[in-house]
């Protein structure tokens, strides 16, 4: 089973549990910035803190630096329900 299949299956499972998850599209998560750039060459790559669902932009303090996090395409992060940091760090 591919990673994409697993992610989609998890999204379907969550949507069945709660309507709050129904309209969220899971983003593909990458462990390197380069992998994310290859996946979405025309989108901005962000660092998502997977515990909080908050993402950080390149150049900000926590970009690539939180303990639990992954690189994601910004449009996919937004569709997944993640949000940009409020304090710019």
N, C-alpha and C. Protein backbone atom coordinates (compact mmCIF):
# COMPACT_ATOMS: atom_id res chain seq x y z
N UNK A 1 0.85 -1.16 0.00
CA UNK A 1 0.00 0.00 0.00
C UNK A 1 0.90 1.24 0.00
N UNK A 2 0.64 2.19 -0.87
CA UNK A 2 1.47 3.38 -0.97
C UNK A 2 1.12 4.37 0.13
N UNK A 3 2.03 5.31 0.37
CA UNK A 3 1.81 6.34 1.37
C UNK A 3 0.57 7.15 1.04
N UNK A 4 0.40 7.47 -0.22
CA UNK A 4 -0.77 8.26 -0.64
C UNK A 4 -2.06 7.50 -0.33
N UNK A 5 -2.09 6.20 -0.56
CA UNK A 5 -3.27 5.38 -0.27
C UNK A 5 -3.56 5.37 1.22
N UNK A 6 -2.52 5.28 2.02
CA UNK A 6 -2.69 5.26 3.47
C UNK A 6 -3.26 6.59 3.96
N UNK A 7 -2.72 7.70 3.44
CA UNK A 7 -3.19 9.02 3.83
C UNK A 7 -4.66 9.20 3.45
N UNK A 8 -5.02 8.80 2.24
CA UNK A 8 -6.41 8.93 1.80
C UNK A 8 -7.34 8.04 2.62
N UNK A 9 -6.91 6.84 2.94
CA UNK A 9 -7.72 5.95 3.77
C UNK A 9 -7.94 6.55 5.16
N UNK A 10 -6.90 7.16 5.71
CA UNK A 10 -7.02 7.79 7.02
C UNK A 10 -8.00 8.97 6.96
N UNK A 11 -7.96 9.73 5.89
CA UNK A 11 -8.88 10.86 5.74
C UNK A 11 -10.32 10.37 5.65
N UNK A 12 -10.55 9.30 4.92
CA UNK A 12 -11.89 8.75 4.83
C UNK A 12 -12.37 8.25 6.18
N UNK A 13 -11.50 7.60 6.92
CA UNK A 13 -11.82 7.11 8.26
C UNK A 13 -12.20 8.28 9.17
N UNK A 14 -11.39 9.34 9.16
CA UNK A 14 -11.68 10.50 10.02
C UNK A 14 -12.97 11.19 9.62
N UNK A 15 -13.24 11.27 8.33
CA UNK A 15 -14.47 11.93 7.89
C UNK A 15 -15.69 11.14 8.34
N UNK A 16 -15.56 9.84 8.46
CA UNK A 16 -16.67 9.02 8.95
C UNK A 16 -16.89 9.24 10.44
N UNK A 17 -15.84 9.55 11.17
CA UNK A 17 -15.95 9.78 12.61
C UNK A 17 -16.56 11.13 12.95
N UNK A 18 -16.18 12.14 12.20
CA UNK A 18 -16.61 13.49 12.55
C UNK A 18 -16.80 14.34 11.30
N UNK A 19 -17.91 15.05 11.20
CA UNK A 19 -18.12 15.94 10.06
C UNK A 19 -17.08 17.04 9.96
N UNK A 20 -16.42 17.37 11.07
CA UNK A 20 -15.40 18.43 11.05
C UNK A 20 -14.22 18.05 10.16
N UNK A 21 -13.98 16.76 9.99
CA UNK A 21 -12.88 16.30 9.15
C UNK A 21 -13.30 16.07 7.71
N UNK A 22 -14.56 16.11 7.42
CA UNK A 22 -15.08 15.71 6.11
C UNK A 22 -14.56 16.56 4.96
N UNK A 23 -14.40 17.86 5.17
CA UNK A 23 -13.99 18.73 4.07
C UNK A 23 -12.49 18.98 4.03
N UNK A 24 -11.73 18.30 4.85
CA UNK A 24 -10.27 18.48 4.86
C UNK A 24 -9.60 17.45 3.96
N UNK A 25 -8.66 17.92 3.17
CA UNK A 25 -7.91 17.06 2.28
C UNK A 25 -6.53 16.85 2.89
N UNK A 26 -6.12 15.62 3.08
CA UNK A 26 -4.81 15.39 3.68
C UNK A 26 -3.67 15.82 2.76
N UNK A 27 -2.67 16.43 3.33
CA UNK A 27 -1.50 16.85 2.57
C UNK A 27 -0.45 15.75 2.63
N UNK A 28 0.34 15.65 1.57
CA UNK A 28 1.48 14.74 1.61
C UNK A 28 2.57 15.40 2.44
N UNK A 29 3.14 14.65 3.34
CA UNK A 29 4.18 15.15 4.23
C UNK A 29 5.54 14.68 3.77
N UNK A 30 6.53 15.58 3.85
CA UNK A 30 7.88 15.27 3.39
C UNK A 30 8.88 15.56 4.50
N UNK A 31 9.91 14.75 4.58
CA UNK A 31 10.93 14.92 5.61
C UNK A 31 12.06 15.83 5.17
N UNK A 32 12.09 16.18 3.87
CA UNK A 32 13.09 17.14 3.41
C UNK A 32 12.40 18.23 2.58
N UNK A 33 12.98 19.40 2.64
CA UNK A 33 12.46 20.53 1.89
C UNK A 33 12.53 20.25 0.39
N UNK A 34 13.59 19.60 -0.04
CA UNK A 34 13.78 19.30 -1.46
C UNK A 34 12.68 18.38 -1.99
N UNK A 35 12.30 17.37 -1.22
CA UNK A 35 11.21 16.47 -1.63
C UNK A 35 9.91 17.25 -1.82
N UNK A 36 9.63 18.15 -0.90
CA UNK A 36 8.41 18.95 -0.99
C UNK A 36 8.46 19.86 -2.22
N UNK A 37 9.62 20.47 -2.48
CA UNK A 37 9.77 21.34 -3.65
C UNK A 37 9.54 20.56 -4.94
N UNK A 38 9.98 19.33 -4.99
CA UNK A 38 9.78 18.51 -6.18
C UNK A 38 8.31 18.17 -6.37
N UNK A 39 7.59 17.99 -5.27
CA UNK A 39 6.17 17.65 -5.33
C UNK A 39 5.33 18.86 -5.77
N UNK A 40 5.70 20.04 -5.32
CA UNK A 40 4.92 21.24 -5.65
C UNK A 40 5.84 22.37 -6.10
N UNK A 41 6.36 22.27 -7.33
CA UNK A 41 7.32 23.27 -7.80
C UNK A 41 6.73 24.68 -7.98
N UNK A 42 5.41 24.78 -8.06
CA UNK A 42 4.78 26.09 -8.28
C UNK A 42 4.04 26.58 -7.03
N UNK A 43 4.38 26.04 -5.89
CA UNK A 43 3.75 26.42 -4.63
C UNK A 43 4.85 26.67 -3.59
N UNK A 44 4.51 27.35 -2.55
CA UNK A 44 5.44 27.64 -1.46
C UNK A 44 5.51 26.44 -0.52
N UNK A 45 6.70 26.08 -0.10
CA UNK A 45 6.89 24.99 0.87
C UNK A 45 6.87 25.60 2.26
N UNK A 46 6.12 24.98 3.17
CA UNK A 46 6.04 25.44 4.55
C UNK A 46 6.40 24.29 5.48
N UNK A 47 6.73 24.63 6.71
CA UNK A 47 7.02 23.64 7.75
C UNK A 47 5.81 23.58 8.67
N UNK A 48 5.17 22.42 8.75
CA UNK A 48 4.00 22.25 9.61
C UNK A 48 4.40 21.55 10.90
N UNK A 49 4.08 22.19 12.02
CA UNK A 49 4.23 21.55 13.31
C UNK A 49 3.06 20.57 13.41
N UNK A 50 3.34 19.28 13.36
CA UNK A 50 2.28 18.28 13.30
C UNK A 50 1.49 18.15 14.60
N UNK A 51 2.03 18.64 15.70
CA UNK A 51 1.27 18.59 16.95
C UNK A 51 0.25 19.71 17.04
N UNK A 52 0.57 20.87 16.47
CA UNK A 52 -0.32 22.03 16.60
C UNK A 52 -1.10 22.35 15.34
N UNK A 53 -0.64 21.89 14.19
CA UNK A 53 -1.30 22.24 12.93
C UNK A 53 -0.98 23.66 12.48
N UNK A 54 0.06 24.24 13.05
CA UNK A 54 0.50 25.59 12.68
C UNK A 54 1.69 25.46 11.75
N UNK A 55 1.68 26.26 10.66
CA UNK A 55 2.84 26.18 9.76
C UNK A 55 3.63 27.47 9.74
N UNK A 56 4.91 27.29 9.41
CA UNK A 56 5.89 28.38 9.42
C UNK A 56 6.49 28.53 8.04
N UNK A 57 6.75 29.77 7.66
CA UNK A 57 7.32 30.09 6.35
C UNK A 57 8.84 30.11 6.42
N UNK A 58 9.46 29.87 5.27
CA UNK A 58 10.92 29.89 5.20
C UNK A 58 11.43 31.25 5.68
N UNK A 59 12.45 31.21 6.52
CA UNK A 59 13.02 32.44 7.08
C UNK A 59 12.51 32.75 8.47
N UNK A 60 11.41 32.09 8.87
CA UNK A 60 10.90 32.30 10.22
C UNK A 60 11.64 31.39 11.20
N UNK A 61 11.59 31.75 12.45
CA UNK A 61 12.35 31.07 13.50
C UNK A 61 12.13 29.56 13.55
N UNK A 62 10.90 29.10 13.44
CA UNK A 62 10.60 27.68 13.64
C UNK A 62 10.53 26.88 12.35
N UNK A 63 10.86 27.49 11.22
CA UNK A 63 10.84 26.77 9.93
C UNK A 63 11.87 25.64 9.98
N UNK A 64 11.37 24.42 9.88
CA UNK A 64 12.24 23.25 9.91
C UNK A 64 12.84 22.95 11.28
N UNK A 65 12.31 23.58 12.33
CA UNK A 65 12.98 23.48 13.63
C UNK A 65 12.13 22.95 14.77
N UNK A 66 10.85 22.72 14.57
CA UNK A 66 10.06 22.18 15.68
C UNK A 66 10.34 20.69 15.82
N UNK A 67 10.14 20.16 17.01
CA UNK A 67 10.44 18.75 17.27
C UNK A 67 9.60 17.82 16.39
N UNK A 68 8.32 18.12 16.27
CA UNK A 68 7.42 17.30 15.46
C UNK A 68 6.94 18.13 14.28
N UNK A 69 7.45 17.82 13.09
CA UNK A 69 7.04 18.60 11.94
C UNK A 69 7.47 17.98 10.63
N UNK A 70 6.88 18.50 9.56
CA UNK A 70 7.16 18.02 8.21
C UNK A 70 7.06 19.19 7.24
N UNK A 71 7.65 19.00 6.07
CA UNK A 71 7.53 19.98 5.00
C UNK A 71 6.30 19.63 4.18
N UNK A 72 5.53 20.66 3.81
CA UNK A 72 4.28 20.48 3.08
C UNK A 72 4.12 21.64 2.10
N UNK A 73 3.41 21.41 1.02
CA UNK A 73 3.06 22.48 0.10
C UNK A 73 2.00 23.36 0.77
N UNK A 74 2.13 24.66 0.66
CA UNK A 74 1.24 25.57 1.39
C UNK A 74 -0.23 25.36 1.05
N UNK A 75 -0.54 25.20 -0.23
CA UNK A 75 -1.95 25.01 -0.61
C UNK A 75 -2.51 23.73 0.00
N UNK A 76 -1.68 22.69 0.07
CA UNK A 76 -2.12 21.43 0.66
C UNK A 76 -2.26 21.57 2.18
N UNK A 77 -1.38 22.35 2.80
CA UNK A 77 -1.48 22.59 4.25
C UNK A 77 -2.79 23.31 4.56
N UNK A 78 -3.12 24.32 3.74
CA UNK A 78 -4.37 25.05 3.94
C UNK A 78 -5.57 24.12 3.77
N UNK A 79 -5.54 23.29 2.73
CA UNK A 79 -6.65 22.36 2.48
C UNK A 79 -6.79 21.33 3.59
N UNK A 80 -5.67 21.00 4.24
CA UNK A 80 -5.66 20.02 5.32
C UNK A 80 -6.23 20.61 6.62
N UNK A 81 -6.31 21.94 6.66
CA UNK A 81 -6.82 22.59 7.87
C UNK A 81 -5.75 23.20 8.74
N UNK A 82 -4.49 23.16 8.29
CA UNK A 82 -3.41 23.79 9.03
C UNK A 82 -3.51 25.30 8.84
N UNK A 83 -2.88 26.06 9.72
CA UNK A 83 -2.93 27.53 9.61
C UNK A 83 -1.54 28.12 9.79
N UNK A 84 -1.37 29.31 9.22
CA UNK A 84 -0.10 30.01 9.32
C UNK A 84 0.07 30.51 10.76
N UNK A 85 1.32 30.60 11.20
CA UNK A 85 1.60 31.11 12.54
C UNK A 85 1.10 32.54 12.68
N UNK A 86 0.64 32.88 13.84
CA UNK A 86 0.10 34.22 14.06
C UNK A 86 1.17 35.23 14.46
N UNK A 87 2.27 34.75 15.00
CA UNK A 87 3.29 35.68 15.49
C UNK A 87 4.49 35.81 14.56
N UNK A 88 4.45 35.16 13.42
CA UNK A 88 5.53 35.31 12.46
C UNK A 88 6.84 34.68 12.88
N UNK A 89 6.79 33.74 13.82
CA UNK A 89 8.02 33.10 14.25
C UNK A 89 8.01 31.67 13.89
